[in-house]
Amino acid sequence: MQRAGRVSLAYAVAFVAFLVVPVAFRTQAPWPFPKGVYWQEVLDLLTPVVLIPLSWLLCSLDDAGTRPGRGVQLAFLVMAAVWVEGQGVHLAANSIARPWEHAPAPTGALAEWYDGILSHYLWHVGIVGIWAIAIARSLAHPIRDRLAPRTELVAAALVLGVTWFAVMIESGTEPLTLPFTVAAALVVAVQGRPRIASTPVASFLGGAFAVSLLLVAAWAIRWGGQLPQFTEVGLL
């Protein structure tokens, strides 16, 4: 299924483009945006608009001639809603929190809670929930032709794996994202390995998680068992 490779690679590229690249655009956006709104937030407005449709394609790619059932559709809608809710809170709180970053409680602490904790966890629950749906459907509905575009899938796994590592470390949501990444990688390795060619989405995501975990392990070794954020060690 050539479409699986194209969609996976498009998803991985979009993921890095919208979750990592905007961080480089920390300059004031022009009119009509008010002072304090950076290009980072403007670009981030497009994140769910692009990634959620791609996520749905990812969740339905391995369908063996039938449409996803109502349970799958409902689960996807719930996870997409949680993603958008977290994204929206993050967008607003990220701008509003800037003047209060170093302010004493309660203002600074409240802004940081919305910006750095609540929004990140909501956002990432939505992301990993959608990935869980995609993996489950891929394993349950293997493709018929067994033509897995391996070059595209390997490239997509590398891109997403490095990006997911960066997101996990910088977001501070390791208590959620790290156990999920380990569990999902193990499920794909155990359930998908015998039929890797016919489950390209599961293979793509499992490979990405394996890359992420290798990088997390290397990062932990570098910092004596700790997982400091990139900003904490002066890399951002």
Protein backbone atom coordinates (compact mmCIF):
# COMPACT_ATOMS: atom_id res chain seq x y z
CA MET A 1 0.00 0.00 0.00
CA GLN A 2 1.90 3.02 -1.31
CA ARG A 3 -0.63 5.35 0.31
CA ALA A 4 0.45 4.18 3.75
CA GLY A 5 4.01 5.35 3.15
CA ARG A 6 2.94 8.72 1.78
CA VAL A 7 0.51 9.44 4.59
CA SER A 8 2.97 8.30 7.28
CA LEU A 9 5.75 10.47 5.88
CA ALA A 10 3.41 13.45 5.46
CA TYR A 11 2.24 12.99 9.05
CA ALA A 12 5.80 12.81 10.41
CA VAL A 13 6.91 15.90 8.47
CA ALA A 14 3.83 17.84 9.58
CA PHE A 15 4.41 16.76 13.17
CA VAL A 16 7.93 18.21 13.25
CA ALA A 17 6.87 21.27 11.24
CA PHE A 18 4.10 22.24 13.66
CA LEU A 19 5.35 20.97 17.02
CA VAL A 20 9.04 21.90 16.81
CA VAL A 21 9.77 24.40 14.04
CA PRO A 22 7.49 27.22 15.36
CA VAL A 23 9.72 27.50 18.45
CA ALA A 24 12.27 29.23 16.20
CA PHE A 25 9.83 32.05 15.40
CA ARG A 26 9.87 33.94 18.69
CA THR A 27 9.32 37.41 17.26
CA GLN A 28 6.32 39.71 17.47
CA ALA A 29 3.64 39.01 14.87
CA PRO A 30 2.46 42.06 12.88
CA TRP A 31 -0.93 43.72 12.94
CA PRO A 32 -3.70 42.70 13.58
CA PHE A 33 -2.12 40.60 16.33
CA PRO A 34 -1.66 42.45 19.64
CA LYS A 35 1.64 42.88 21.44
CA GLY A 36 2.81 39.62 23.00
CA VAL A 37 1.58 37.35 20.20
CA TYR A 38 4.58 35.83 18.44
CA TRP A 39 4.82 34.20 15.04
CA GLN A 40 5.19 30.99 17.05
CA GLU A 41 1.55 31.19 18.14
CA VAL A 42 0.33 32.30 14.71
CA LEU A 43 1.90 29.25 13.06
CA ASP A 44 0.65 27.05 15.88
CA LEU A 45 -2.94 27.99 15.04
CA LEU A 46 -2.65 25.65 12.07
CA THR A 47 -1.40 22.65 14.07
CA PRO A 48 -4.73 20.88 14.71
CA VAL A 49 -6.13 22.03 11.36
CA VAL A 50 -3.39 20.09 9.56
CA LEU A 51 -2.54 17.28 11.96
CA ILE A 52 -5.99 16.09 12.98
CA PRO A 53 -7.12 15.29 9.40
CA LEU A 54 -3.78 13.55 8.82
CA SER A 55 -4.32 11.67 12.08
CA TRP A 56 -7.68 10.44 10.84
CA LEU A 57 -6.07 9.18 7.63
CA LEU A 58 -3.51 7.40 9.79
CA CYS A 59 -6.26 5.76 11.85
CA SER A 60 -8.17 4.48 8.81
CA LEU A 61 -5.34 3.52 6.45
CA ASP A 62 -5.32 -0.22 7.18
CA ASP A 63 -9.04 -0.67 6.91
CA ALA A 64 -9.67 -3.88 4.96
CA GLY A 65 -12.38 -2.47 2.73
CA THR A 66 -14.72 -1.29 5.49
CA ARG A 67 -15.15 2.06 7.16
CA PRO A 68 -14.12 2.52 10.82
CA GLY A 69 -16.95 1.61 13.16
CA ARG A 70 -18.83 4.05 15.34
CA GLY A 71 -16.75 3.15 18.38
CA VAL A 72 -13.55 4.04 16.56
CA GLN A 73 -15.07 7.25 15.22
CA LEU A 74 -16.31 8.27 18.66
CA ALA A 75 -12.96 7.49 20.30
CA PHE A 76 -11.17 9.52 17.64
CA LEU A 77 -13.53 12.48 18.09
CA VAL A 78 -12.98 12.45 21.86
CA MET A 79 -9.19 12.32 21.50
CA ALA A 80 -9.25 15.01 18.81
CA ALA A 81 -11.37 17.23 21.08
CA VAL A 82 -8.93 16.75 23.97
CA TRP A 83 -6.03 17.58 21.61
CA VAL A 84 -7.73 20.80 20.42
CA GLU A 85 -8.64 21.78 23.99
CA GLY A 86 -5.05 21.37 25.13
CA GLN A 87 -3.75 23.14 22.04
CA GLY A 88 -6.10 26.07 22.62
CA VAL A 89 -5.17 26.44 26.28
CA HIS A 90 -1.50 26.26 25.36
CA LEU A 91 -1.78 28.89 22.64
CA ALA A 92 -3.47 31.44 24.89
CA ALA A 93 -1.54 30.69 28.07
CA ASN A 94 1.82 30.67 26.31
CA SER A 95 1.40 34.29 25.25
CA ILE A 96 -0.28 35.50 28.42
CA ALA A 97 2.26 33.79 30.67
CA ARG A 98 5.32 35.50 29.18
CA PRO A 99 5.18 38.70 31.26
CA TRP A 100 4.60 36.62 34.39
CA GLU A 101 7.24 33.94 33.88
CA HIS A 102 9.29 35.07 36.84
CA ALA A 103 6.52 36.63 38.86
CA PRO A 104 5.71 35.34 42.35
CA ALA A 105 2.58 33.34 43.07
CA PRO A 106 -0.29 33.42 42.51
CA THR A 107 -0.15 35.12 39.09
CA GLY A 108 3.05 33.52 37.82
CA ALA A 109 2.22 30.11 39.25
CA LEU A 110 -1.29 30.14 37.75
CA ALA A 111 -0.02 31.15 34.33
CA GLU A 112 2.64 28.42 34.45
CA TRP A 113 0.06 25.82 35.50
CA TYR A 114 -2.12 26.55 32.48
CA ASP A 115 0.80 26.95 30.09
CA GLY A 116 3.23 24.26 31.21
CA ILE A 117 1.07 21.62 32.90
CA LEU A 118 -2.65 21.53 32.08
CA SER A 119 -2.33 22.36 28.39
CA HIS A 120 0.60 19.97 27.84
CA TYR A 121 -1.12 17.02 29.47
CA LEU A 122 -4.45 17.59 27.67
CA TRP A 123 -2.63 18.00 24.37
CA HIS A 124 -0.53 14.88 24.81
CA VAL A 125 -3.42 12.75 26.02
CA GLY A 126 -5.08 13.57 22.72
CA ILE A 127 -1.94 12.74 20.72
CA VAL A 128 -1.20 9.40 22.36
CA GLY A 129 -4.89 8.49 22.34
CA ILE A 130 -5.03 8.95 18.58
CA TRP A 131 -1.83 6.93 18.17
CA ALA A 132 -3.32 4.12 20.25
CA ILE A 133 -6.35 4.07 17.94
CA ALA A 134 -4.11 4.04 14.86
CA ILE A 135 -2.03 1.14 16.19
CA ALA A 136 -5.09 -0.87 17.23
CA ARG A 137 -6.74 -0.48 13.82
CA SER A 138 -3.52 -1.24 11.96
CA LEU A 139 -3.03 -4.49 13.85
CA ALA A 140 -6.71 -5.43 13.56
CA HIS A 141 -7.03 -4.63 9.84
CA PRO A 142 -3.84 -5.56 7.97
CA ILE A 143 -3.65 -4.47 4.35
CA ARG A 144 -4.34 -7.03 1.67
CA ASP A 145 -1.56 -6.49 -0.83
CA ARG A 146 1.33 -6.63 1.68
CA LEU A 147 3.23 -3.99 -0.29
CA ALA A 148 4.78 -1.87 2.43
CA PRO A 149 6.75 1.15 1.12
CA ARG A 150 9.64 0.56 3.50
CA THR A 151 11.82 3.52 2.50
CA GLU A 152 9.07 6.02 3.23
CA LEU A 153 8.06 4.24 6.43
CA VAL A 154 11.64 4.15 7.74
CA ALA A 155 12.11 7.85 6.94
CA ALA A 156 8.79 8.68 8.61
CA ALA A 157 9.70 6.65 11.71
CA LEU A 158 13.05 8.42 12.05
CA VAL A 159 11.50 11.88 11.68
CA LEU A 160 8.65 11.21 14.10
CA GLY A 161 10.90 9.38 16.55
CA VAL A 162 13.34 12.27 16.88
CA THR A 163 10.48 14.76 17.10
CA TRP A 164 8.60 12.79 19.74
CA PHE A 165 11.77 12.52 21.82
CA ALA A 166 12.13 16.31 21.70
CA VAL A 167 8.47 16.83 22.60
CA MET A 168 8.60 14.41 25.53
CA ILE A 169 11.74 15.99 26.99
CA GLU A 170 10.76 19.63 26.59
CA SER A 171 7.09 19.31 27.54
CA GLY A 172 7.68 17.79 30.96
CA THR A 173 4.96 15.16 30.44
CA GLU A 174 7.20 12.10 30.79
CA PRO A 175 4.93 10.52 33.46
CA LEU A 176 2.32 10.18 30.72
CA THR A 177 4.25 9.99 27.46
CA LEU A 178 7.15 7.76 28.47
CA PRO A 179 5.07 4.81 29.80
CA PHE A 180 2.82 5.05 26.76
CA THR A 181 5.79 5.05 24.39
CA VAL A 182 7.30 1.98 26.07
CA ALA A 183 3.99 0.10 26.13
CA ALA A 184 3.11 0.95 22.52
CA ALA A 185 6.55 -0.05 21.26
CA LEU A 186 6.24 -3.39 23.06
CA VAL A 187 2.74 -4.05 21.71
CA VAL A 188 3.87 -3.38 18.15
CA ALA A 189 6.99 -5.51 18.61
CA VAL A 190 5.01 -8.47 19.97
CA GLN A 191 1.80 -8.24 17.93
CA GLY A 192 3.01 -6.69 14.70
CA ARG A 193 6.40 -8.24 14.05
CA PRO A 194 5.12 -11.46 12.41
CA ARG A 195 3.20 -9.36 9.84
CA ILE A 196 5.18 -6.14 9.68
CA ALA A 197 4.70 -5.77 5.91
CA SER A 198 0.91 -5.80 6.20
CA THR A 199 0.62 -3.41 9.17
CA PRO A 200 2.51 -0.32 7.94
CA VAL A 201 0.93 2.20 10.33
CA ALA A 202 1.69 0.10 13.41
CA SER A 203 5.19 -0.54 12.05
CA PHE A 204 5.72 3.19 11.41
CA LEU A 205 4.60 4.23 14.89
CA GLY A 206 6.37 1.34 16.63
CA GLY A 207 9.59 2.20 14.84
CA ALA A 208 9.22 5.85 15.78
CA PHE A 209 8.72 4.94 19.43
CA ALA A 210 11.81 2.71 19.36
CA VAL A 211 13.86 5.65 18.03
CA SER A 212 12.41 7.94 20.72
CA LEU A 213 13.24 5.49 23.50
CA LEU A 214 16.83 5.09 22.30
CA LEU A 215 17.26 8.86 22.35
CA VAL A 216 15.62 9.12 25.79
CA ALA A 217 18.02 6.47 27.11
CA ALA A 218 21.00 8.35 25.66
CA TRP A 219 19.72 11.61 27.16
CA ALA A 220 19.29 9.99 30.57
CA ILE A 221 22.82 8.57 30.43
CA ARG A 222 24.18 11.99 29.46
CA TRP A 223 22.54 13.63 32.49
CA GLY A 224 23.12 10.97 35.11
CA GLY A 225 19.70 9.36 35.01
CA GLN A 226 17.78 12.63 34.84
CA LEU A 227 15.68 13.98 31.95
CA PRO A 228 16.17 17.75 32.04
CA GLN A 229 14.33 19.91 29.53
CA PHE A 230 16.39 21.42 26.73
CA THR A 231 15.71 24.91 28.11
CA GLU A 232 17.07 23.84 31.49
CA VAL A 233 20.47 22.92 30.00
CA GLY A 234 20.67 25.94 27.71
CA LEU A 235 19.93 24.21 24.41
CA LEU A 236 16.81 26.30 23.71
